[in-house]
Amino acid sequence: MDIAKYITTAVILTSIFGEIEQKWIIYAGGIVSISLTLGIGLWLVRDKEKKGR
C-alpha cells in the first residue's frame, strides 16, 4: 500500500514540475498504477487477517 502512496506523490510532482504537454497520459497511468497497487495491498492485508483468526 505504501507503493500506491509513492506513485501518487510521483504523479503529482511530475504534473506540477514536468513540462509535458499531454498530462492526461500521466494521470491515466497514475490512476491505473495506484488502483492496481492499492488493490493488491488491500488484498494482501485482508488475506493476513483471515489467516490470523
N, C-alpha and C. Protein backbone atom coordinates (compact mmCIF):
# COMPACT_ATOMS: atom_id res chain seq x y z
N MET A 1 0.83 -1.19 0.00
CA MET A 1 0.00 0.00 0.00
C MET A 1 0.88 1.25 0.00
N ASP A 2 2.08 1.13 0.53
CA ASP A 2 2.99 2.28 0.50
C ASP A 2 3.39 2.63 -0.92
N ILE A 3 3.47 1.63 -1.77
CA ILE A 3 3.84 1.88 -3.16
C ILE A 3 2.80 2.77 -3.82
N ALA A 4 1.53 2.56 -3.51
CA ALA A 4 0.46 3.41 -4.07
C ALA A 4 0.65 4.86 -3.65
N LYS A 5 1.08 5.08 -2.41
CA LYS A 5 1.32 6.45 -1.96
C LYS A 5 2.51 7.09 -2.69
N TYR A 6 3.55 6.30 -2.92
CA TYR A 6 4.72 6.82 -3.64
C TYR A 6 4.37 7.16 -5.08
N ILE A 7 3.57 6.32 -5.72
CA ILE A 7 3.16 6.59 -7.09
C ILE A 7 2.31 7.86 -7.14
N THR A 8 1.41 8.02 -6.18
CA THR A 8 0.58 9.23 -6.12
C THR A 8 1.46 10.47 -6.00
N THR A 9 2.45 10.42 -5.14
CA THR A 9 3.37 11.55 -4.98
C THR A 9 4.13 11.82 -6.27
N ALA A 10 4.59 10.78 -6.93
CA ALA A 10 5.33 10.95 -8.18
C ALA A 10 4.46 11.55 -9.27
N VAL A 11 3.21 11.12 -9.37
CA VAL A 11 2.31 11.66 -10.39
C VAL A 11 2.03 13.14 -10.13
N ILE A 12 1.78 13.49 -8.88
CA ILE A 12 1.50 14.88 -8.55
C ILE A 12 2.71 15.76 -8.82
N LEU A 13 3.90 15.32 -8.39
CA LEU A 13 5.10 16.12 -8.61
C LEU A 13 5.45 16.23 -10.10
N THR A 14 5.25 15.15 -10.83
CA THR A 14 5.53 15.19 -12.26
C THR A 14 4.59 16.16 -12.97
N SER A 15 3.33 16.16 -12.57
CA SER A 15 2.38 17.06 -13.22
C SER A 15 2.65 18.52 -12.86
N ILE A 16 3.19 18.76 -11.68
CA ILE A 16 3.48 20.14 -11.27
C ILE A 16 4.77 20.63 -11.92
N PHE A 17 5.83 19.85 -11.84
CA PHE A 17 7.15 20.30 -12.29
C PHE A 17 7.48 19.90 -13.72
N GLY A 18 6.81 18.89 -14.23
CA GLY A 18 7.11 18.42 -15.59
C GLY A 18 6.51 19.33 -16.64
N GLU A 19 7.18 19.42 -17.75
CA GLU A 19 6.70 20.25 -18.84
C GLU A 19 6.19 19.36 -19.96
N ILE A 20 5.28 18.48 -19.60
CA ILE A 20 4.70 17.54 -20.55
C ILE A 20 3.39 18.13 -21.06
N GLU A 21 3.21 18.09 -22.37
CA GLU A 21 2.02 18.68 -22.96
C GLU A 21 0.78 17.83 -22.73
N GLN A 22 0.93 16.54 -22.76
CA GLN A 22 -0.22 15.65 -22.60
C GLN A 22 -0.22 15.06 -21.19
N LYS A 23 -0.70 15.84 -20.26
CA LYS A 23 -0.69 15.40 -18.86
C LYS A 23 -1.70 14.30 -18.59
N TRP A 24 -2.67 14.14 -19.46
CA TRP A 24 -3.67 13.10 -19.24
C TRP A 24 -3.04 11.71 -19.25
N ILE A 25 -1.94 11.55 -19.99
CA ILE A 25 -1.25 10.25 -20.02
C ILE A 25 -0.67 9.95 -18.63
N ILE A 26 -0.09 10.95 -18.01
CA ILE A 26 0.46 10.76 -16.66
C ILE A 26 -0.66 10.44 -15.68
N TYR A 27 -1.77 11.18 -15.77
CA TYR A 27 -2.88 10.94 -14.85
C TYR A 27 -3.50 9.56 -15.07
N ALA A 28 -3.69 9.17 -16.32
CA ALA A 28 -4.29 7.87 -16.60
C ALA A 28 -3.38 6.73 -16.13
N GLY A 29 -2.10 6.83 -16.44
CA GLY A 29 -1.16 5.81 -15.98
C GLY A 29 -1.04 5.77 -14.47
N GLY A 30 -1.07 6.94 -13.86
CA GLY A 30 -1.01 7.02 -12.40
C GLY A 30 -2.22 6.40 -11.74
N ILE A 31 -3.40 6.70 -12.28
CA ILE A 31 -4.63 6.14 -11.71
C ILE A 31 -4.64 4.62 -11.82
N VAL A 32 -4.22 4.11 -12.96
CA VAL A 32 -4.18 2.65 -13.14
C VAL A 32 -3.17 2.02 -12.18
N SER A 33 -1.98 2.60 -12.10
CA SER A 33 -0.94 2.06 -11.21
C SER A 33 -1.34 2.14 -9.75
N ILE A 34 -1.92 3.27 -9.36
CA ILE A 34 -2.35 3.44 -7.97
C ILE A 34 -3.44 2.44 -7.62
N SER A 35 -4.43 2.31 -8.51
CA SER A 35 -5.52 1.37 -8.25
C SER A 35 -5.01 -0.06 -8.13
N LEU A 36 -4.11 -0.42 -9.02
CA LEU A 36 -3.58 -1.78 -9.01
C LEU A 36 -2.78 -2.07 -7.74
N THR A 37 -1.85 -1.19 -7.40
CA THR A 37 -1.03 -1.44 -6.21
C THR A 37 -1.83 -1.34 -4.92
N LEU A 38 -2.78 -0.43 -4.86
CA LEU A 38 -3.63 -0.31 -3.68
C LEU A 38 -4.51 -1.55 -3.53
N GLY A 39 -5.07 -2.01 -4.64
CA GLY A 39 -5.92 -3.21 -4.60
C GLY A 39 -5.14 -4.43 -4.14
N ILE A 40 -3.95 -4.61 -4.67
CA ILE A 40 -3.13 -5.76 -4.27
C ILE A 40 -2.74 -5.64 -2.79
N GLY A 41 -2.39 -4.44 -2.36
CA GLY A 41 -2.03 -4.24 -0.96
C GLY A 41 -3.19 -4.54 -0.02
N LEU A 42 -4.37 -4.07 -0.37
CA LEU A 42 -5.54 -4.35 0.47
C LEU A 42 -5.90 -5.83 0.46
N TRP A 43 -5.72 -6.47 -0.68
CA TRP A 43 -6.00 -7.91 -0.76
C TRP A 43 -5.03 -8.70 0.12
N LEU A 44 -3.77 -8.30 0.12
CA LEU A 44 -2.79 -9.00 0.96
C LEU A 44 -3.07 -8.78 2.44
N VAL A 45 -3.48 -7.59 2.82
CA VAL A 45 -3.80 -7.32 4.22
C VAL A 45 -5.03 -8.13 4.64
N ARG A 46 -6.02 -8.20 3.77
CA ARG A 46 -7.24 -8.96 4.07
C ARG A 46 -6.91 -10.44 4.22
N ASP A 47 -6.02 -10.93 3.37
CA ASP A 47 -5.63 -12.34 3.41
C ASP A 47 -4.94 -12.66 4.73
N LYS A 48 -4.10 -11.78 5.24
CA LYS A 48 -3.41 -12.00 6.51
C LYS A 48 -4.40 -12.00 7.68
N GLU A 49 -5.41 -11.12 7.61
CA GLU A 49 -6.39 -11.04 8.70
C GLU A 49 -7.23 -12.31 8.76
N LYS A 50 -7.55 -12.89 7.62
CA LYS A 50 -8.34 -14.14 7.60
C LYS A 50 -7.55 -15.28 8.24
N LYS A 51 -6.26 -15.37 7.93
CA LYS A 51 -5.44 -16.46 8.46
C LYS A 51 -5.20 -16.30 9.95
N GLY A 52 -5.22 -15.08 10.44
CA GLY A 52 -4.95 -14.81 11.85
C GLY A 52 -6.13 -15.15 12.76
N ARG A 53 -7.29 -15.32 12.21
CA ARG A 53 -8.49 -15.57 13.05
C ARG A 53 -8.60 -16.98 13.45
